[in-house]
Amino acid sequence: MDLQGYFNRIGFTGPYDKPDLDTLRTIHKLHVMTIPFENLSIHCGEKNTTDLHIIYDKLVKSNRGGWCCENNLLFSWVLKEMGYKYTTLGSKVFNKFQNDFYHVDSHLINMVEIDGKPYITDVSYGVSCQLWYPLEMISGKDQPQPPGVFRLVNNGKIWVLEKTSRKQVVKDKAYANSSLIDKRLTKIMYGFPLTPRNKEHFVETLDCLQTSPDSRFVLKSICSLQTPHGFRALIGWTYSEITYNPEEDSDMVDMKEIPDCEIEAVLREKFNVV
């Protein structure tokens, strides 16, 4: 595992001798613009793991992406190598259908302390809720980013991450009522305490998420990547390109179905994934 190899992968060429906020913001954004959030291994007969060496080979050497425990575990290693003070945390994703948090920690994130101030980094939530930059841990503070307005709220027991989005304008009206269009303007993403977690904490849950027939990761293949003006996603056979338009308080959504024979070409051309 080589830090310079990771920098080459994300296109980072700046100095990294000082673990400051500006550098963290830069590598955070470059990561989400370069390394996809994807669960394709589950649909290709592979197994996702928490072994950092395997993750590094997959995401850095093989130009693949990964889900949260791969991307954010790799990012925690990067934080360590760069000299940042960080803590790995476990979070419970909010289930909009059950109107409650998932019962176990299924999402790994990192908390970074810089000059005595804590920040949340998360380079692997994907699609429209992907953070482009770290969030300062100030309860109730609106923190605008290109995808929308994020805020962390401390309810006395846990921290909860929320996002306020813009109106979705669907280019092809045939997709106006697609289940892939999230029409909620304000949504709860996940909640977490400040209890440090190691990677072993997630192993059982991750095994379940990639084997249970009820898991959304088993039911649907996902590949998403942030772009300078929005994001693109291939979910099942539906390809979407979303362009952020904050000046008009809306996002343009362009969706289409991809035939089997073109899936590999789309992955290669739009996500640099083979």
C-alpha atoms as a PDB file:
ATOM      1  CA  MET A   1       0.000   0.000   0.000  1.00  0.00           C
ATOM      2  CA  ASP A   2       1.432   3.289  -1.155  1.00  0.00           C
ATOM      3  CA  LEU A   3       0.072   6.765  -0.375  1.00  0.00           C
ATOM      4  CA  GLN A   4       1.465   8.189  -3.610  1.00  0.00           C
ATOM      5  CA  GLY A   5      -0.423   5.483  -5.508  1.00  0.00           C
ATOM      6  CA  TYR A   6      -3.653   6.726  -3.914  1.00  0.00           C
ATOM      7  CA  PHE A   7      -2.781  10.337  -4.776  1.00  0.00           C
ATOM      8  CA  ASN A   8      -2.149   9.300  -8.383  1.00  0.00           C
ATOM      9  CA  ARG A   9      -5.515   7.525  -8.439  1.00  0.00           C
ATOM     10  CA  ILE A  10      -7.483  10.609  -7.338  1.00  0.00           C
ATOM     11  CA  GLY A  11      -5.289  13.139  -9.163  1.00  0.00           C
ATOM     12  CA  PHE A  12      -3.932  14.916  -6.091  1.00  0.00           C
ATOM     13  CA  THR A  13      -0.672  16.774  -6.743  1.00  0.00           C
ATOM     14  CA  GLY A  14      -0.526  19.267  -3.872  1.00  0.00           C
ATOM     15  CA  PRO A  15       1.625  19.273  -0.735  1.00  0.00           C
ATOM     16  CA  TYR A  16       0.568  16.994   2.104  1.00  0.00           C
ATOM     17  CA  ASP A  17       3.103  17.739   4.804  1.00  0.00           C
ATOM     18  CA  LYS A  18       0.537  19.596   6.939  1.00  0.00           C
ATOM     19  CA  PRO A  19      -2.755  17.880   7.942  1.00  0.00           C
ATOM     20  CA  ASP A  20      -4.957  20.976   7.603  1.00  0.00           C
ATOM     21  CA  LEU A  21      -8.579  21.558   6.598  1.00  0.00           C
ATOM     22  CA  ASP A  22      -7.842  22.835   3.087  1.00  0.00           C
ATOM     23  CA  THR A  23      -5.934  19.673   2.201  1.00  0.00           C
ATOM     24  CA  LEU A  24      -8.669  17.491   3.709  1.00  0.00           C
ATOM     25  CA  ARG A  25     -11.328  19.293   1.666  1.00  0.00           C
ATOM     26  CA  THR A  26      -9.270  18.805  -1.478  1.00  0.00           C
ATOM     27  CA  ILE A  27      -8.667  15.065  -1.123  1.00  0.00           C
ATOM     28  CA  HIS A  28     -12.279  14.501   0.015  1.00  0.00           C
ATOM     29  CA  LYS A  29     -13.643  16.102  -3.152  1.00  0.00           C
ATOM     30  CA  LEU A  30     -11.116  14.424  -5.445  1.00  0.00           C
ATOM     31  CA  HIS A  31     -11.984  11.025  -3.949  1.00  0.00           C
ATOM     32  CA  VAL A  32     -15.729  11.315  -4.632  1.00  0.00           C
ATOM     33  CA  MET A  33     -15.049  12.675  -8.130  1.00  0.00           C
ATOM     34  CA  THR A  34     -12.753   9.779  -9.019  1.00  0.00           C
ATOM     35  CA  ILE A  35     -13.635   6.629  -7.072  1.00  0.00           C
ATOM     36  CA  PRO A  36     -17.236   5.461  -7.569  1.00  0.00           C
ATOM     37  CA  PHE A  37     -19.664   4.300  -4.931  1.00  0.00           C
ATOM     38  CA  GLU A  38     -20.588   0.854  -6.276  1.00  0.00           C
ATOM     39  CA  ASN A  39     -21.661  -2.623  -5.207  1.00  0.00           C
ATOM     40  CA  LEU A  40     -20.838  -4.430  -8.458  1.00  0.00           C
ATOM     41  CA  SER A  41     -18.758  -7.094  -6.717  1.00  0.00           C
ATOM     42  CA  ILE A  42     -21.907  -8.530  -5.161  1.00  0.00           C
ATOM     43  CA  HIS A  43     -23.349  -9.001  -8.649  1.00  0.00           C
ATOM     44  CA  CYS A  44     -20.150 -10.436 -10.157  1.00  0.00           C
ATOM     45  CA  GLY A  45     -19.556 -13.359  -7.827  1.00  0.00           C
ATOM     46  CA  GLU A  46     -17.032 -11.453  -5.712  1.00  0.00           C
ATOM     47  CA  LYS A  47     -17.097 -10.748  -1.968  1.00  0.00           C
ATOM     48  CA  ASN A  48     -16.590  -7.370  -0.351  1.00  0.00           C
ATOM     49  CA  THR A  49     -14.142  -7.399   2.527  1.00  0.00           C
ATOM     50  CA  THR A  50     -12.701  -5.182   5.258  1.00  0.00           C
ATOM     51  CA  ASP A  51      -9.132  -6.243   4.440  1.00  0.00           C
ATOM     52  CA  LEU A  52      -7.356  -2.963   3.649  1.00  0.00           C
ATOM     53  CA  HIS A  53      -4.796  -4.551   1.334  1.00  0.00           C
ATOM     54  CA  ILE A  54      -7.548  -6.091  -0.792  1.00  0.00           C
ATOM     55  CA  ILE A  55      -9.486  -2.807  -0.747  1.00  0.00           C
ATOM     56  CA  TYR A  56      -6.397  -0.853  -1.821  1.00  0.00           C
ATOM     57  CA  ASP A  57      -5.733  -3.238  -4.693  1.00  0.00           C
ATOM     58  CA  LYS A  58      -9.352  -3.020  -5.820  1.00  0.00           C
ATOM     59  CA  LEU A  59      -9.942   0.745  -5.534  1.00  0.00           C
ATOM     60  CA  VAL A  60      -6.462   2.064  -6.310  1.00  0.00           C
ATOM     61  CA  LYS A  61      -4.680  -0.485  -8.490  1.00  0.00           C
ATOM     62  CA  SER A  62      -7.703  -1.876 -10.338  1.00  0.00           C
ATOM     63  CA  ASN A  63      -9.573   1.444 -10.789  1.00  0.00           C
ATOM     64  CA  ARG A  64     -12.703   0.087  -9.151  1.00  0.00           C
ATOM     65  CA  GLY A  65     -15.063   1.689  -6.664  1.00  0.00           C
ATOM     66  CA  GLY A  66     -16.663   0.277  -3.564  1.00  0.00           C
ATOM     67  CA  TRP A  67     -19.301   0.714  -0.889  1.00  0.00           C
ATOM     68  CA  CYS A  68     -18.874   2.563   2.420  1.00  0.00           C
ATOM     69  CA  CYS A  69     -16.670   0.093   4.270  1.00  0.00           C
ATOM     70  CA  GLU A  70     -14.288  -0.009   1.336  1.00  0.00           C
ATOM     71  CA  ASN A  71     -14.135   3.687   0.443  1.00  0.00           C
ATOM     72  CA  ASN A  72     -14.232   5.009   4.004  1.00  0.00           C
ATOM     73  CA  LEU A  73     -11.840   2.376   5.366  1.00  0.00           C
ATOM     74  CA  LEU A  74      -9.393   3.281   2.616  1.00  0.00           C
ATOM     75  CA  PHE A  75      -9.917   6.940   3.476  1.00  0.00           C
ATOM     76  CA  SER A  76      -9.205   6.251   7.157  1.00  0.00           C
ATOM     77  CA  TRP A  77      -5.873   4.720   6.116  1.00  0.00           C
ATOM     78  CA  VAL A  78      -5.158   7.835   4.033  1.00  0.00           C
ATOM     79  CA  LEU A  79      -5.983  10.048   7.024  1.00  0.00           C
ATOM     80  CA  LYS A  80      -3.582   8.059   9.187  1.00  0.00           C
ATOM     81  CA  GLU A  81      -0.787   8.170   6.617  1.00  0.00           C
ATOM     82  CA  MET A  82      -1.216  11.929   6.207  1.00  0.00           C
ATOM     83  CA  GLY A  83      -1.030  12.563   9.952  1.00  0.00           C
ATOM     84  CA  TYR A  84      -4.650  13.479  10.675  1.00  0.00           C
ATOM     85  CA  LYS A  85      -6.198  12.742  14.050  1.00  0.00           C
ATOM     86  CA  TYR A  86      -9.289  10.679  13.259  1.00  0.00           C
ATOM     87  CA  THR A  87     -11.845   8.314  14.787  1.00  0.00           C
ATOM     88  CA  THR A  88     -13.841   5.717  12.878  1.00  0.00           C
ATOM     89  CA  LEU A  89     -17.547   5.740  13.757  1.00  0.00           C
ATOM     90  CA  GLY A  90     -20.543   3.540  12.981  1.00  0.00           C
ATOM     91  CA  SER A  91     -23.863   4.995  11.856  1.00  0.00           C
ATOM     92  CA  LYS A  92     -27.393   3.727  11.392  1.00  0.00           C
ATOM     93  CA  VAL A  93     -28.925   4.617   8.030  1.00  0.00           C
ATOM     94  CA  PHE A  94     -32.456   6.038   8.109  1.00  0.00           C
ATOM     95  CA  ASN A  95     -35.111   3.871   6.432  1.00  0.00           C
ATOM     96  CA  LYS A  96     -37.737   6.131   4.866  1.00  0.00           C
ATOM     97  CA  PHE A  97     -40.200   3.260   4.450  1.00  0.00           C
ATOM     98  CA  GLN A  98     -40.087   2.318   8.137  1.00  0.00           C
ATOM     99  CA  ASN A  99     -39.547   5.937   9.256  1.00  0.00           C
ATOM    100  CA  ASP A 100     -36.794   4.807  11.591  1.00  0.00           C
ATOM    101  CA  PHE A 101     -33.069   4.086  11.698  1.00  0.00           C
ATOM    102  CA  TYR A 102     -31.705   0.685  10.678  1.00  0.00           C
ATOM    103  CA  HIS A 103     -31.278  -1.406  13.832  1.00  0.00           C
ATOM    104  CA  VAL A 104     -27.504  -1.901  13.494  1.00  0.00           C
ATOM    105  CA  ASP A 105     -24.540   0.136  12.289  1.00  0.00           C
ATOM    106  CA  SER A 106     -24.375  -0.429   8.545  1.00  0.00           C
ATOM    107  CA  HIS A 107     -22.488   2.686   7.484  1.00  0.00           C
ATOM    108  CA  LEU A 108     -18.886   3.525   8.382  1.00  0.00           C
ATOM    109  CA  ILE A 109     -17.722   7.159   8.581  1.00  0.00           C
ATOM    110  CA  ASN A 110     -14.696   9.018   9.967  1.00  0.00           C
ATOM    111  CA  MET A 111     -14.492  11.943  12.373  1.00  0.00           C
ATOM    112  CA  VAL A 112     -11.405  14.134  11.961  1.00  0.00           C
ATOM    113  CA  GLU A 113     -10.103  16.665  14.466  1.00  0.00           C
ATOM    114  CA  ILE A 114      -8.268  19.715  13.113  1.00  0.00           C
ATOM    115  CA  ASP A 115      -7.122  22.551  15.372  1.00  0.00           C
ATOM    116  CA  GLY A 116      -9.422  21.277  18.100  1.00  0.00           C
ATOM    117  CA  LYS A 117     -12.514  21.232  15.839  1.00  0.00           C
ATOM    118  CA  PRO A 118     -14.217  17.952  14.821  1.00  0.00           C
ATOM    119  CA  TYR A 119     -15.384  17.276  11.269  1.00  0.00           C
ATOM    120  CA  ILE A 120     -17.267  14.381   9.678  1.00  0.00           C
ATOM    121  CA  THR A 121     -15.839  12.903   6.494  1.00  0.00           C
ATOM    122  CA  ASP A 122     -17.828  10.486   4.346  1.00  0.00           C
ATOM    123  CA  VAL A 123     -16.568   9.678   0.843  1.00  0.00           C
ATOM    124  CA  SER A 124     -19.004   6.848   0.192  1.00  0.00           C
ATOM    125  CA  TYR A 125     -22.718   7.539   0.509  1.00  0.00           C
ATOM    126  CA  GLY A 126     -23.208   7.959  -3.214  1.00  0.00           C
ATOM    127  CA  VAL A 127     -25.812   9.456  -5.553  1.00  0.00           C
ATOM    128  CA  SER A 128     -27.580  12.665  -4.446  1.00  0.00           C
ATOM    129  CA  CYS A 129     -26.584  12.560  -0.765  1.00  0.00           C
ATOM    130  CA  GLN A 130     -22.845  12.348  -1.279  1.00  0.00           C
ATOM    131  CA  LEU A 131     -20.832  14.890   0.719  1.00  0.00           C
ATOM    132  CA  TRP A 132     -18.308  16.749  -1.423  1.00  0.00           C
ATOM    133  CA  TYR A 133     -16.519  18.201   1.595  1.00  0.00           C
ATOM    134  CA  PRO A 134     -16.159  17.458   5.320  1.00  0.00           C
ATOM    135  CA  LEU A 135     -18.855  18.800   7.640  1.00  0.00           C
ATOM    136  CA  GLU A 136     -18.022  20.789  10.758  1.00  0.00           C
ATOM    137  CA  MET A 137     -19.712  19.265  13.802  1.00  0.00           C
ATOM    138  CA  ILE A 138     -21.865  22.195  14.898  1.00  0.00           C
ATOM    139  CA  SER A 139     -25.418  21.187  15.767  1.00  0.00           C
ATOM    140  CA  GLY A 140     -28.099  22.777  13.609  1.00  0.00           C
ATOM    141  CA  LYS A 141     -25.735  24.708  11.333  1.00  0.00           C
ATOM    142  CA  ASP A 142     -26.685  24.743   7.640  1.00  0.00           C
ATOM    143  CA  GLN A 143     -23.641  23.807   5.560  1.00  0.00           C
ATOM    144  CA  PRO A 144     -24.326  24.360   1.834  1.00  0.00           C
ATOM    145  CA  GLN A 145     -22.517  22.208  -0.714  1.00  0.00           C
ATOM    146  CA  PRO A 146     -23.222  21.698  -4.447  1.00  0.00           C
ATOM    147  CA  PRO A 147     -25.570  18.699  -3.805  1.00  0.00           C
ATOM    148  CA  GLY A 148     -27.693  20.709  -1.327  1.00  0.00           C
ATOM    149  CA  VAL A 149     -27.677  21.951   2.256  1.00  0.00           C
ATOM    150  CA  PHE A 150     -26.368  19.512   4.870  1.00  0.00           C
ATOM    151  CA  ARG A 151     -26.745  19.857   8.622  1.00  0.00           C
ATOM    152  CA  LEU A 152     -25.708  17.840  11.652  1.00  0.00           C
ATOM    153  CA  VAL A 153     -28.108  17.857  14.587  1.00  0.00           C
ATOM    154  CA  ASN A 154     -27.223  16.618  18.063  1.00  0.00           C
ATOM    155  CA  ASN A 155     -30.404  15.396  19.751  1.00  0.00           C
ATOM    156  CA  GLY A 156     -28.671  14.712  23.050  1.00  0.00           C
ATOM    157  CA  LYS A 157     -28.079  11.013  22.339  1.00  0.00           C
ATOM    158  CA  ILE A 158     -26.778  10.844  18.794  1.00  0.00           C
ATOM    159  CA  TRP A 159     -25.765  13.092  15.926  1.00  0.00           C
ATOM    160  CA  VAL A 160     -28.143  13.034  12.947  1.00  0.00           C
ATOM    161  CA  LEU A 161     -27.180  14.040   9.401  1.00  0.00           C
ATOM    162  CA  GLU A 162     -29.884  15.714   7.326  1.00  0.00           C
ATOM    163  CA  LYS A 163     -29.935  17.112   3.806  1.00  0.00           C
ATOM    164  CA  THR A 164     -32.214  19.641   2.138  1.00  0.00           C
ATOM    165  CA  SER A 165     -32.385  19.165  -1.622  1.00  0.00           C
ATOM    166  CA  ARG A 166     -33.695  21.135  -4.561  1.00  0.00           C
ATOM    167  CA  LYS A 167     -36.692  20.343  -6.773  1.00  0.00           C
ATOM    168  CA  GLN A 168     -36.010  17.552  -9.279  1.00  0.00           C
ATOM    169  CA  VAL A 169     -36.867  18.443 -12.890  1.00  0.00           C
ATOM    170  CA  VAL A 170     -37.099  15.229 -14.925  1.00  0.00           C
ATOM    171  CA  LYS A 171     -36.228  15.722 -18.580  1.00  0.00           C
ATOM    172  CA  ASP A 172     -38.168  12.696 -19.871  1.00  0.00           C
ATOM    173  CA  LYS A 173     -41.661  12.763 -18.345  1.00  0.00           C
ATOM    174  CA  ALA A 174     -41.866   8.974 -18.702  1.00  0.00           C
ATOM    175  CA  TYR A 175     -39.553   8.834 -15.668  1.00  0.00           C
ATOM    176  CA  ALA A 176     -41.364  11.477 -13.611  1.00  0.00           C
ATOM    177  CA  ASN A 177     -42.729   8.873 -11.199  1.00  0.00           C
ATOM    178  CA  SER A 178     -39.703   6.591 -11.172  1.00  0.00           C
ATOM    179  CA  SER A 179     -38.879   5.052  -7.786  1.00  0.00           C
ATOM    180  CA  LEU A 180     -35.337   6.343  -8.340  1.00  0.00           C
ATOM    181  CA  ILE A 181     -36.562   9.944  -8.040  1.00  0.00           C
ATOM    182  CA  ASP A 182     -36.503  10.993  -4.387  1.00  0.00           C
ATOM    183  CA  LYS A 183     -39.035  13.819  -4.119  1.00  0.00           C
ATOM    184  CA  ARG A 184     -38.357  14.564  -0.443  1.00  0.00           C
ATOM    185  CA  LEU A 185     -36.833  18.013  -0.119  1.00  0.00           C
ATOM    186  CA  THR A 186     -35.522  17.377   3.396  1.00  0.00           C
ATOM    187  CA  LYS A 187     -34.345  13.900   4.308  1.00  0.00           C
ATOM    188  CA  ILE A 188     -32.626  12.213   7.220  1.00  0.00           C
ATOM    189  CA  MET A 189     -29.545  10.297   6.067  1.00  0.00           C
ATOM    190  CA  TYR A 190     -28.158   8.564   9.163  1.00  0.00           C
ATOM    191  CA  GLY A 191     -27.495   8.892  12.876  1.00  0.00           C
ATOM    192  CA  PHE A 192     -24.398   8.068  14.920  1.00  0.00           C
ATOM    193  CA  PRO A 193     -22.957   8.282  18.440  1.00  0.00           C
ATOM    194  CA  LEU A 194     -19.319   9.212  19.018  1.00  0.00           C
ATOM    195  CA  THR A 195     -18.331   5.679  20.039  1.00  0.00           C
ATOM    196  CA  PRO A 196     -15.084   4.634  18.318  1.00  0.00           C
ATOM    197  CA  ARG A 197     -15.466   1.528  16.138  1.00  0.00           C
ATOM    198  CA  ASN A 198     -12.947  -0.772  14.508  1.00  0.00           C
ATOM    199  CA  LYS A 199     -13.545  -2.593  11.241  1.00  0.00           C
ATOM    200  CA  GLU A 200     -14.471  -5.832  13.025  1.00  0.00           C
ATOM    201  CA  HIS A 201     -17.565  -4.042  14.336  1.00  0.00           C
ATOM    202  CA  PHE A 202     -19.034  -4.067  10.812  1.00  0.00           C
ATOM    203  CA  VAL A 203     -18.134  -7.555   9.566  1.00  0.00           C
ATOM    204  CA  GLU A 204     -21.343  -9.403  10.511  1.00  0.00           C
ATOM    205  CA  THR A 205     -23.614  -6.676   9.173  1.00  0.00           C
ATOM    206  CA  LEU A 206     -21.658  -6.388   5.934  1.00  0.00           C
ATOM    207  CA  ASP A 207     -21.894 -10.141   5.383  1.00  0.00           C
ATOM    208  CA  CYS A 208     -25.657  -9.854   5.795  1.00  0.00           C
ATOM    209  CA  LEU A 209     -25.928  -6.873   3.431  1.00  0.00           C
ATOM    210  CA  GLN A 210     -24.186  -8.760   0.622  1.00  0.00           C
ATOM    211  CA  THR A 211     -25.959 -12.104   1.088  1.00  0.00           C
ATOM    212  CA  SER A 212     -29.494 -11.452   2.392  1.00  0.00           C
ATOM    213  CA  PRO A 213     -32.139 -11.651  -0.364  1.00  0.00           C
ATOM    214  CA  ASP A 214     -33.828  -8.640   1.297  1.00  0.00           C
ATOM    215  CA  SER A 215     -30.750  -6.419   1.128  1.00  0.00           C
ATOM    216  CA  ARG A 216     -31.039  -3.489  -1.264  1.00  0.00           C
ATOM    217  CA  PHE A 217     -27.434  -4.137  -2.268  1.00  0.00           C
ATOM    218  CA  VAL A 218     -28.395  -7.662  -3.358  1.00  0.00           C
ATOM    219  CA  LEU A 219     -31.625  -6.584  -5.000  1.00  0.00           C
ATOM    220  CA  LYS A 220     -30.084  -3.854  -7.147  1.00  0.00           C
ATOM    221  CA  SER A 221     -26.698  -3.111  -8.659  1.00  0.00           C
ATOM    222  CA  ILE A 222     -25.464   0.446  -8.040  1.00  0.00           C
ATOM    223  CA  CYS A 223     -22.647   2.525  -9.481  1.00  0.00           C
ATOM    224  CA  SER A 224     -22.518   6.291  -8.930  1.00  0.00           C
ATOM    225  CA  LEU A 225     -19.887   8.978  -9.344  1.00  0.00           C
ATOM    226  CA  GLN A 226     -19.894  12.682  -8.575  1.00  0.00           C
ATOM    227  CA  THR A 227     -19.127  15.069 -11.450  1.00  0.00           C
ATOM    228  CA  PRO A 228     -18.107  18.753 -11.434  1.00  0.00           C
ATOM    229  CA  HIS A 229     -21.730  19.747 -12.002  1.00  0.00           C
ATOM    230  CA  GLY A 230     -23.743  16.945 -10.392  1.00  0.00           C
ATOM    231  CA  PHE A 231     -23.504  13.168 -10.462  1.00  0.00           C
ATOM    232  CA  ARG A 232     -24.171  10.166 -12.667  1.00  0.00           C
ATOM    233  CA  ALA A 233     -25.557   6.793 -11.632  1.00  0.00           C
ATOM    234  CA  LEU A 234     -26.283   3.379 -13.090  1.00  0.00           C
ATOM    235  CA  ILE A 235     -28.852   1.623 -10.916  1.00  0.00           C
ATOM    236  CA  GLY A 236     -29.930  -1.681 -12.361  1.00  0.00           C
ATOM    237  CA  TRP A 237     -30.407  -0.873 -16.047  1.00  0.00           C
ATOM    238  CA  THR A 238     -31.357   2.771 -15.480  1.00  0.00           C
ATOM    239  CA  TYR A 239     -28.681   5.360 -16.228  1.00  0.00           C
ATOM    240  CA  SER A 240     -29.105   8.872 -14.817  1.00  0.00           C
ATOM    241  CA  GLU A 241     -27.202  12.110 -15.223  1.00  0.00           C
ATOM    242  CA  ILE A 242     -28.091  14.824 -12.718  1.00  0.00           C
ATOM    243  CA  THR A 243     -27.033  18.430 -13.260  1.00  0.00           C
ATOM    244  CA  TYR A 244     -27.209  20.764 -10.265  1.00  0.00           C
ATOM    245  CA  ASN A 245     -28.849  24.120 -10.958  1.00  0.00           C
ATOM    246  CA  PRO A 246     -28.777  26.030  -7.646  1.00  0.00           C
ATOM    247  CA  GLU A 247     -29.406  29.371  -9.385  1.00  0.00           C
ATOM    248  CA  GLU A 248     -32.926  28.185 -10.194  1.00  0.00           C
ATOM    249  CA  ASP A 249     -33.225  26.022  -7.051  1.00  0.00           C
ATOM    250  CA  SER A 250     -33.633  22.865  -9.126  1.00  0.00           C
ATOM    251  CA  ASP A 251     -31.726  19.867 -10.442  1.00  0.00           C
ATOM    252  CA  MET A 252     -32.101  18.540 -13.986  1.00  0.00           C
ATOM    253  CA  VAL A 253     -32.522  14.752 -14.187  1.00  0.00           C
ATOM    254  CA  ASP A 254     -31.860  12.899 -17.458  1.00  0.00           C
ATOM    255  CA  MET A 255     -32.702   9.179 -17.285  1.00  0.00           C
ATOM    256  CA  LYS A 256     -32.701   6.323 -19.781  1.00  0.00           C
ATOM    257  CA  GLU A 257     -32.691   2.534 -19.881  1.00  0.00           C
ATOM    258  CA  ILE A 258     -29.494   0.757 -20.924  1.00  0.00           C
ATOM    259  CA  PRO A 259     -29.671  -2.576 -22.793  1.00  0.00           C
ATOM    260  CA  ASP A 260     -27.556  -5.466 -21.533  1.00  0.00           C
ATOM    261  CA  CYS A 261     -25.158  -5.219 -24.461  1.00  0.00           C
ATOM    262  CA  GLU A 262     -24.216  -1.617 -23.527  1.00  0.00           C
ATOM    263  CA  ILE A 263     -23.791  -1.971 -19.751  1.00  0.00           C
ATOM    264  CA  GLU A 264     -20.047  -2.639 -19.860  1.00  0.00           C
ATOM    265  CA  ALA A 265     -19.488   0.293 -22.230  1.00  0.00           C
ATOM    266  CA  VAL A 266     -21.418   2.650 -19.943  1.00  0.00           C
ATOM    267  CA  LEU A 267     -19.431   1.507 -16.905  1.00  0.00           C
ATOM    268  CA  ARG A 268     -16.182   2.040 -18.794  1.00  0.00           C
ATOM    269  CA  GLU A 269     -17.015   5.370 -20.413  1.00  0.00           C
ATOM    270  CA  LYS A 270     -18.991   7.047 -17.630  1.00  0.00           C
ATOM    271  CA  PHE A 271     -17.371   5.578 -14.496  1.00  0.00           C
ATOM    272  CA  ASN A 272     -13.964   4.339 -15.700  1.00  0.00           C
ATOM    273  CA  VAL A 273     -14.878   0.905 -14.328  1.00  0.00           C
ATOM    274  CA  VAL A 274     -14.081  -2.333 -16.131  1.00  0.00           C
END
